[in-house]
Amino acid sequence: MRGFWRLLMERRAGLIAIWVVVMVVALVRLLIMDDVYTSSALLTPLTLEQVQEASQAGIGGGTVRSLLGRGSTRDEFAVAAFMQSRELLDRVVDELELKRVLFPGRWDGEKEEWLESRGGEPTNGEARRALDRKVDVSYDEFTGLLLLDVNWEDPALAQRVAAAFVEVADRTLRDAAIAEGERRVEELRRELGSMTIGEIEVYLSEEMTHAVSALASIRARANYAFRVIDPPVVPDRKSWPPRLFLMMLVGVVTAALEVGVVAGIHLRQETGSPPGA
C-alpha cells in the first residue's frame, strides 16, 4: 500500500493538471449549453363517447378507432398512445408552424423563405422527429394519470406547445367522433325513409333518437378526450442542465479514473510486468 501512495504522490502534479484541464473543459461546455425549460400537463384520459353502430359491441365509431388504432384496447390506453402518435405530432407542427422554430438555420427570416443551400424546407418526417425529441408522455395505469412534458429552450414556447398538444388531441378526437356520428345519423335517416315495415321503422326511429342524442352530447362536452387536472404553465425555472451536480460528477469520475490508472501501474510494477507489456 505504501508503494501505491508513493507512486500517487510522485505523479500528483500530472494528475492534478489533468484533473484541472478536464474540469475547465467541462465547465466551458456546461456554460455554453442552453438552458432547457419543461412545461408539464397532468391529464386524465376519459372514456370516449361516440355514436354507436347497431352492429357493433361496446364503443363504436370507425373513424375514431382508425385514429387511435386501438381495436379492443381501453380508451384510456388508446388516448395515451395517441398523444405519441405521428398524426398528432404532424398536426401540432402545422398548428404552431414549428418547422421554422425547429430548424432556424434553414429559414431566412428577412426573405421569408427556406434556404436551399442549407437543406431547404424540412420534410414532415424531419419536423416530427425533431418535435418528438422534445416531448415526453407517460401514462400511469394504476392512477389513470397521463403526464405530458414539453422540453424547450424558450419557456413560453414550451407552454404553448404543451397546451397545443392537449387542445389539438382533444379537438382531433372530438371532430372524428362528430364526423362519425353525422355519418351514422345520415345513414339512419336514409334507412328510415326507405322502410315501411312497422317494427323495423320503430327500431330505426329509436336508433336515430339515440344517435342524435349521443351526437349532441359529444358536441356539448367541455372536454372530450381529457380532464385537465394541472394545465401547462410557463416554467420559471430551468429543468436542465444541473450544472453544479454535473461539475461535481465530472470531478469525482475524473479523480476515480486517475486513481484507477495509478493503481493499475502500481499493480504491474508489483507483479514484475515488463514496461510496455
Protein backbone atom coordinates (compact mmCIF):
# COMPACT_ATOMS: atom_id res chain seq x y z
CA MET A 1 0.00 0.00 0.00
CA ARG A 2 2.91 2.32 0.75
CA GLY A 3 4.18 1.78 -2.77
CA PHE A 4 0.82 2.84 -4.18
CA TRP A 5 0.70 6.04 -2.13
CA ARG A 6 4.32 6.84 -3.03
CA LEU A 7 3.54 6.39 -6.73
CA LEU A 8 0.41 8.52 -6.35
CA MET A 9 2.37 11.34 -4.73
CA GLU A 10 5.09 11.14 -7.37
CA ARG A 11 2.52 11.65 -10.11
CA ARG A 12 0.29 14.11 -8.27
CA ALA A 13 1.41 17.13 -10.31
CA GLY A 14 0.45 15.49 -13.59
CA LEU A 15 -2.76 14.08 -12.14
CA ILE A 16 -3.82 17.46 -10.78
CA ALA A 17 -3.03 19.13 -14.11
CA ILE A 18 -5.13 16.61 -15.99
CA TRP A 19 -7.97 16.99 -13.47
CA VAL A 20 -7.92 20.79 -13.80
CA VAL A 21 -7.94 20.62 -17.61
CA VAL A 22 -10.90 18.21 -17.60
CA MET A 23 -12.80 20.42 -15.15
CA VAL A 24 -12.15 23.56 -17.21
CA VAL A 25 -13.32 21.85 -20.41
CA ALA A 26 -16.42 20.54 -18.63
CA LEU A 27 -17.16 23.98 -17.17
CA VAL A 28 -16.89 25.68 -20.56
CA ARG A 29 -19.09 23.04 -22.14
CA LEU A 30 -21.73 23.39 -19.43
CA LEU A 31 -21.70 27.20 -19.61
CA ILE A 32 -22.38 27.23 -23.36
CA MET A 33 -25.20 24.68 -23.07
CA ASP A 34 -28.66 26.20 -23.49
CA ASP A 35 -30.97 26.14 -20.50
CA VAL A 36 -33.95 23.85 -21.06
CA TYR A 37 -37.36 24.53 -19.52
CA THR A 38 -40.12 21.97 -19.03
CA SER A 39 -43.82 22.74 -19.21
CA SER A 40 -45.99 19.89 -17.95
CA ALA A 41 -49.66 18.98 -18.21
CA LEU A 42 -51.32 16.43 -15.95
CA LEU A 43 -54.36 14.82 -17.57
CA THR A 44 -56.90 12.10 -17.03
CA PRO A 45 -57.91 10.36 -20.29
CA LEU A 46 -61.68 9.97 -20.50
CA THR A 47 -63.88 7.28 -21.95
CA LEU A 48 -64.67 8.42 -25.47
CA GLU A 49 -68.38 8.95 -26.04
CA GLN A 50 -69.34 8.06 -29.61
CA VAL A 51 -72.38 7.39 -31.74
CA GLN A 52 -72.69 3.62 -31.58
CA GLU A 53 -73.22 1.40 -34.58
CA ALA A 54 -76.11 -1.02 -34.09
CA SER A 55 -73.97 -3.95 -35.26
CA GLN A 56 -71.01 -3.13 -33.03
CA ALA A 57 -70.44 -4.26 -29.47
CA GLY A 58 -69.04 -1.79 -26.99
CA ILE A 59 -67.98 1.65 -28.10
CA GLY A 60 -68.38 2.21 -31.81
CA GLY A 61 -67.05 4.77 -34.23
CA GLY A 62 -64.80 3.57 -37.01
CA THR A 63 -63.28 6.99 -37.63
CA VAL A 64 -62.08 7.38 -34.06
CA ARG A 65 -60.91 3.78 -33.97
CA SER A 66 -58.83 4.39 -37.08
CA LEU A 67 -57.21 7.41 -35.44
CA LEU A 68 -56.46 5.56 -32.22
CA GLY A 69 -55.75 2.21 -33.84
CA ARG A 70 -56.87 0.64 -30.61
CA GLY A 71 -59.01 -2.35 -31.55
CA SER A 72 -60.23 -3.69 -28.21
CA THR A 73 -57.82 -1.59 -26.13
CA ARG A 74 -59.35 0.51 -23.36
CA ASP A 75 -59.97 4.13 -24.34
CA GLU A 76 -57.58 5.44 -21.69
CA PHE A 77 -54.64 3.44 -23.07
CA ALA A 78 -55.55 4.33 -26.64
CA VAL A 79 -55.75 8.06 -25.89
CA ALA A 80 -52.38 7.91 -24.12
CA ALA A 81 -50.90 6.20 -27.18
CA PHE A 82 -52.46 8.80 -29.48
CA MET A 83 -50.53 11.51 -27.60
CA GLN A 84 -47.35 9.98 -29.01
CA SER A 85 -48.67 9.29 -32.50
CA ARG A 86 -47.26 10.59 -35.77
CA GLU A 87 -50.65 12.04 -36.63
CA LEU A 88 -50.73 14.25 -33.55
CA LEU A 89 -47.09 15.33 -33.93
CA ASP A 90 -47.77 16.38 -37.53
CA ARG A 91 -50.88 18.31 -36.52
CA VAL A 92 -49.07 20.21 -33.75
CA VAL A 93 -46.21 21.10 -36.11
CA ASP A 94 -48.71 22.50 -38.61
CA GLU A 95 -50.86 24.21 -35.95
CA LEU A 96 -47.95 26.21 -34.49
CA GLU A 97 -45.82 26.38 -37.67
CA LEU A 98 -42.94 24.81 -35.76
CA LYS A 99 -40.73 23.96 -38.71
CA ARG A 100 -39.20 27.45 -38.62
CA VAL A 101 -38.56 27.11 -34.88
CA LEU A 102 -37.19 23.57 -35.04
CA PHE A 103 -34.90 24.35 -38.00
CA PRO A 104 -33.93 28.04 -37.62
CA GLY A 105 -30.71 27.57 -39.58
CA ARG A 106 -32.64 26.67 -42.73
CA TRP A 107 -35.03 29.65 -42.56
CA ASP A 108 -34.26 33.13 -43.88
CA GLY A 109 -36.31 35.47 -41.71
CA GLU A 110 -35.65 38.51 -43.87
CA LYS A 111 -36.68 36.94 -47.17
CA GLU A 112 -39.32 34.70 -45.54
CA GLU A 113 -38.14 31.61 -47.41
CA TRP A 114 -36.28 28.37 -46.88
CA LEU A 115 -32.58 28.29 -47.74
CA GLU A 116 -31.95 25.60 -50.32
CA SER A 117 -28.21 25.84 -49.66
CA ARG A 118 -28.84 24.55 -46.12
CA GLY A 119 -31.23 21.76 -46.99
CA GLY A 120 -34.40 23.66 -47.83
CA GLU A 121 -37.72 23.09 -46.13
CA PRO A 122 -37.64 20.17 -43.68
CA THR A 123 -39.83 17.20 -44.50
CA ASN A 124 -42.75 16.29 -42.28
CA GLY A 125 -40.72 13.35 -41.01
CA GLU A 126 -37.78 15.55 -40.01
CA ALA A 127 -40.06 18.00 -38.21
CA ARG A 128 -41.93 15.18 -36.49
CA ARG A 129 -38.73 13.56 -35.21
CA ALA A 130 -37.34 16.91 -34.03
CA LEU A 131 -40.52 17.64 -32.07
CA ASP A 132 -40.73 14.11 -30.70
CA ARG A 133 -37.28 14.53 -29.12
CA LYS A 134 -38.66 17.45 -27.08
CA VAL A 135 -41.80 15.69 -25.83
CA ASP A 136 -42.20 13.01 -23.15
CA VAL A 137 -45.51 11.25 -22.47
CA SER A 138 -46.07 8.80 -19.64
CA TYR A 139 -49.25 7.05 -18.54
CA ASP A 140 -49.73 5.51 -15.09
CA GLU A 141 -52.17 2.62 -15.35
CA PHE A 142 -52.69 2.48 -11.58
CA THR A 143 -53.68 6.13 -11.10
CA GLY A 144 -55.05 6.68 -14.61
CA LEU A 145 -52.98 9.87 -14.93
CA LEU A 146 -51.22 10.95 -18.10
CA LEU A 147 -48.21 13.27 -17.79
CA LEU A 148 -47.11 15.35 -20.77
CA ASP A 149 -43.72 17.10 -20.59
CA VAL A 150 -42.50 19.51 -23.26
CA ASN A 151 -38.84 20.49 -23.01
CA TRP A 152 -37.73 23.66 -24.80
CA GLU A 153 -35.11 26.39 -24.60
CA ASP A 154 -37.88 29.00 -24.68
CA PRO A 155 -40.16 28.65 -21.61
CA ALA A 156 -43.09 30.46 -23.26
CA LEU A 157 -42.87 28.21 -26.32
CA ALA A 158 -42.69 25.12 -24.09
CA GLN A 159 -46.04 26.14 -22.58
CA ARG A 160 -47.58 26.89 -25.99
CA VAL A 161 -46.54 23.51 -27.39
CA ALA A 162 -47.80 21.62 -24.32
CA ALA A 163 -51.15 23.44 -24.49
CA ALA A 164 -51.34 22.76 -28.24
CA PHE A 165 -50.82 19.02 -27.70
CA VAL A 166 -53.76 18.88 -25.30
CA GLU A 167 -56.04 21.12 -27.39
CA VAL A 168 -55.23 19.55 -30.78
CA ALA A 169 -55.55 15.98 -29.47
CA ASP A 170 -58.91 16.73 -27.87
CA ARG A 171 -60.18 18.56 -30.96
CA THR A 172 -58.97 15.85 -33.36
CA LEU A 173 -60.68 13.05 -31.47
CA ARG A 174 -63.86 15.09 -30.97
CA ASP A 175 -64.03 16.03 -34.66
CA ALA A 176 -63.55 12.39 -35.63
CA ALA A 177 -66.39 11.33 -33.31
CA ILE A 178 -68.66 14.09 -34.65
CA ALA A 179 -67.91 13.14 -38.27
CA GLU A 180 -68.65 9.51 -37.47
CA GLY A 181 -71.85 10.50 -35.66
CA GLU A 182 -73.08 12.65 -38.54
CA ARG A 183 -72.37 9.82 -40.96
CA ARG A 184 -74.36 7.43 -38.75
CA VAL A 185 -77.31 9.84 -38.38
CA GLU A 186 -77.44 10.38 -42.15
CA GLU A 187 -77.30 6.64 -42.73
CA LEU A 188 -80.19 6.07 -40.32
CA ARG A 189 -82.18 8.90 -41.93
CA ARG A 190 -81.83 7.24 -45.36
CA GLU A 191 -82.78 3.82 -43.99
CA LEU A 192 -85.75 5.27 -42.11
CA GLY A 193 -87.01 6.99 -45.26
CA SER A 194 -86.94 3.76 -47.23
CA MET A 195 -88.57 1.50 -44.62
CA THR A 196 -92.30 0.78 -44.44
CA ILE A 197 -92.39 -2.23 -42.09
CA GLY A 198 -93.67 -1.05 -38.70
CA GLU A 199 -91.30 -2.88 -36.31
CA ILE A 200 -88.21 -2.02 -38.30
CA GLU A 201 -89.33 1.58 -38.61
CA VAL A 202 -89.81 1.82 -34.83
CA TYR A 203 -86.39 0.27 -34.27
CA LEU A 204 -84.72 2.70 -36.67
CA SER A 205 -86.54 5.62 -35.03
CA GLU A 206 -85.12 4.58 -31.67
CA GLU A 207 -81.67 4.22 -33.18
CA MET A 208 -82.00 7.68 -34.72
CA THR A 209 -83.00 9.15 -31.36
CA HIS A 210 -80.02 7.55 -29.63
CA ALA A 211 -77.63 8.67 -32.36
CA VAL A 212 -78.83 12.28 -32.34
CA SER A 213 -78.67 12.35 -28.54
CA ALA A 214 -75.13 10.95 -28.49
CA LEU A 215 -74.03 13.41 -31.17
CA ALA A 216 -75.44 16.35 -29.21
CA SER A 217 -73.67 15.10 -26.08
CA ILE A 218 -70.32 14.86 -27.90
CA ARG A 219 -70.66 18.44 -29.13
CA ALA A 220 -71.66 19.70 -25.68
CA ARG A 221 -68.84 18.09 -23.68
CA ALA A 222 -66.35 20.69 -22.49
CA ASN A 223 -63.53 18.14 -22.53
CA TYR A 224 -63.90 15.19 -24.86
CA ALA A 225 -60.70 13.16 -24.52
CA PHE A 226 -59.12 14.54 -21.33
CA ARG A 227 -59.89 16.06 -17.99
CA VAL A 228 -57.14 18.60 -17.38
CA ILE A 229 -56.01 18.33 -13.76
CA ASP A 230 -52.95 20.56 -14.00
CA PRO A 231 -52.72 22.72 -17.15
CA PRO A 232 -49.34 23.62 -18.66
CA VAL A 233 -47.85 26.89 -17.43
CA VAL A 234 -44.81 28.94 -18.43
CA PRO A 235 -41.95 27.47 -16.35
CA ASP A 236 -39.94 29.95 -14.30
CA ARG A 237 -37.05 27.59 -13.55
CA LYS A 238 -34.83 25.59 -15.88
CA SER A 239 -35.00 21.81 -15.74
CA TRP A 240 -31.67 21.14 -17.47
CA PRO A 241 -28.68 21.19 -17.16
CA PRO A 242 -27.95 20.81 -13.42
CA ARG A 243 -24.53 22.44 -13.78
CA LEU A 244 -23.29 22.13 -10.19
CA PHE A 245 -24.22 18.45 -9.99
CA LEU A 246 -22.60 17.68 -13.34
CA MET A 247 -19.41 19.52 -12.37
CA MET A 248 -19.21 17.50 -9.15
CA LEU A 249 -19.88 14.30 -11.06
CA VAL A 250 -17.16 15.04 -13.63
CA GLY A 251 -14.71 15.87 -10.84
CA VAL A 252 -15.38 12.68 -8.91
CA VAL A 253 -15.31 10.44 -12.00
CA THR A 254 -12.07 12.02 -13.28
CA ALA A 255 -10.38 11.62 -9.89
CA ALA A 256 -11.57 7.99 -9.65
CA LEU A 257 -10.23 7.21 -13.12
CA GLU A 258 -6.85 8.75 -12.27
CA VAL A 259 -6.59 6.74 -9.06
CA GLY A 260 -7.55 3.62 -11.00
CA VAL A 261 -4.81 4.25 -13.58
CA VAL A 262 -2.20 4.75 -10.85
CA ALA A 263 -3.41 1.59 -9.11
CA GLY A 264 -3.03 -0.31 -12.37
CA ILE A 265 0.52 0.97 -12.86
CA HIS A 266 1.40 0.03 -9.27
CA LEU A 267 -0.06 -3.45 -9.73
CA ARG A 268 2.01 -4.03 -12.84
CA GLN A 269 5.13 -2.92 -11.02
CA GLU A 270 4.37 -5.20 -8.08
CA THR A 271 3.82 -8.24 -10.31
CA GLY A 272 7.00 -7.53 -12.21
CA SER A 273 5.37 -6.99 -15.59
CA PRO A 274 7.85 -5.51 -18.02
CA PRO A 275 7.14 -1.94 -19.14
CA GLY A 276 5.02 -1.80 -22.28
CA ALA A 277 3.74 -5.36 -21.85
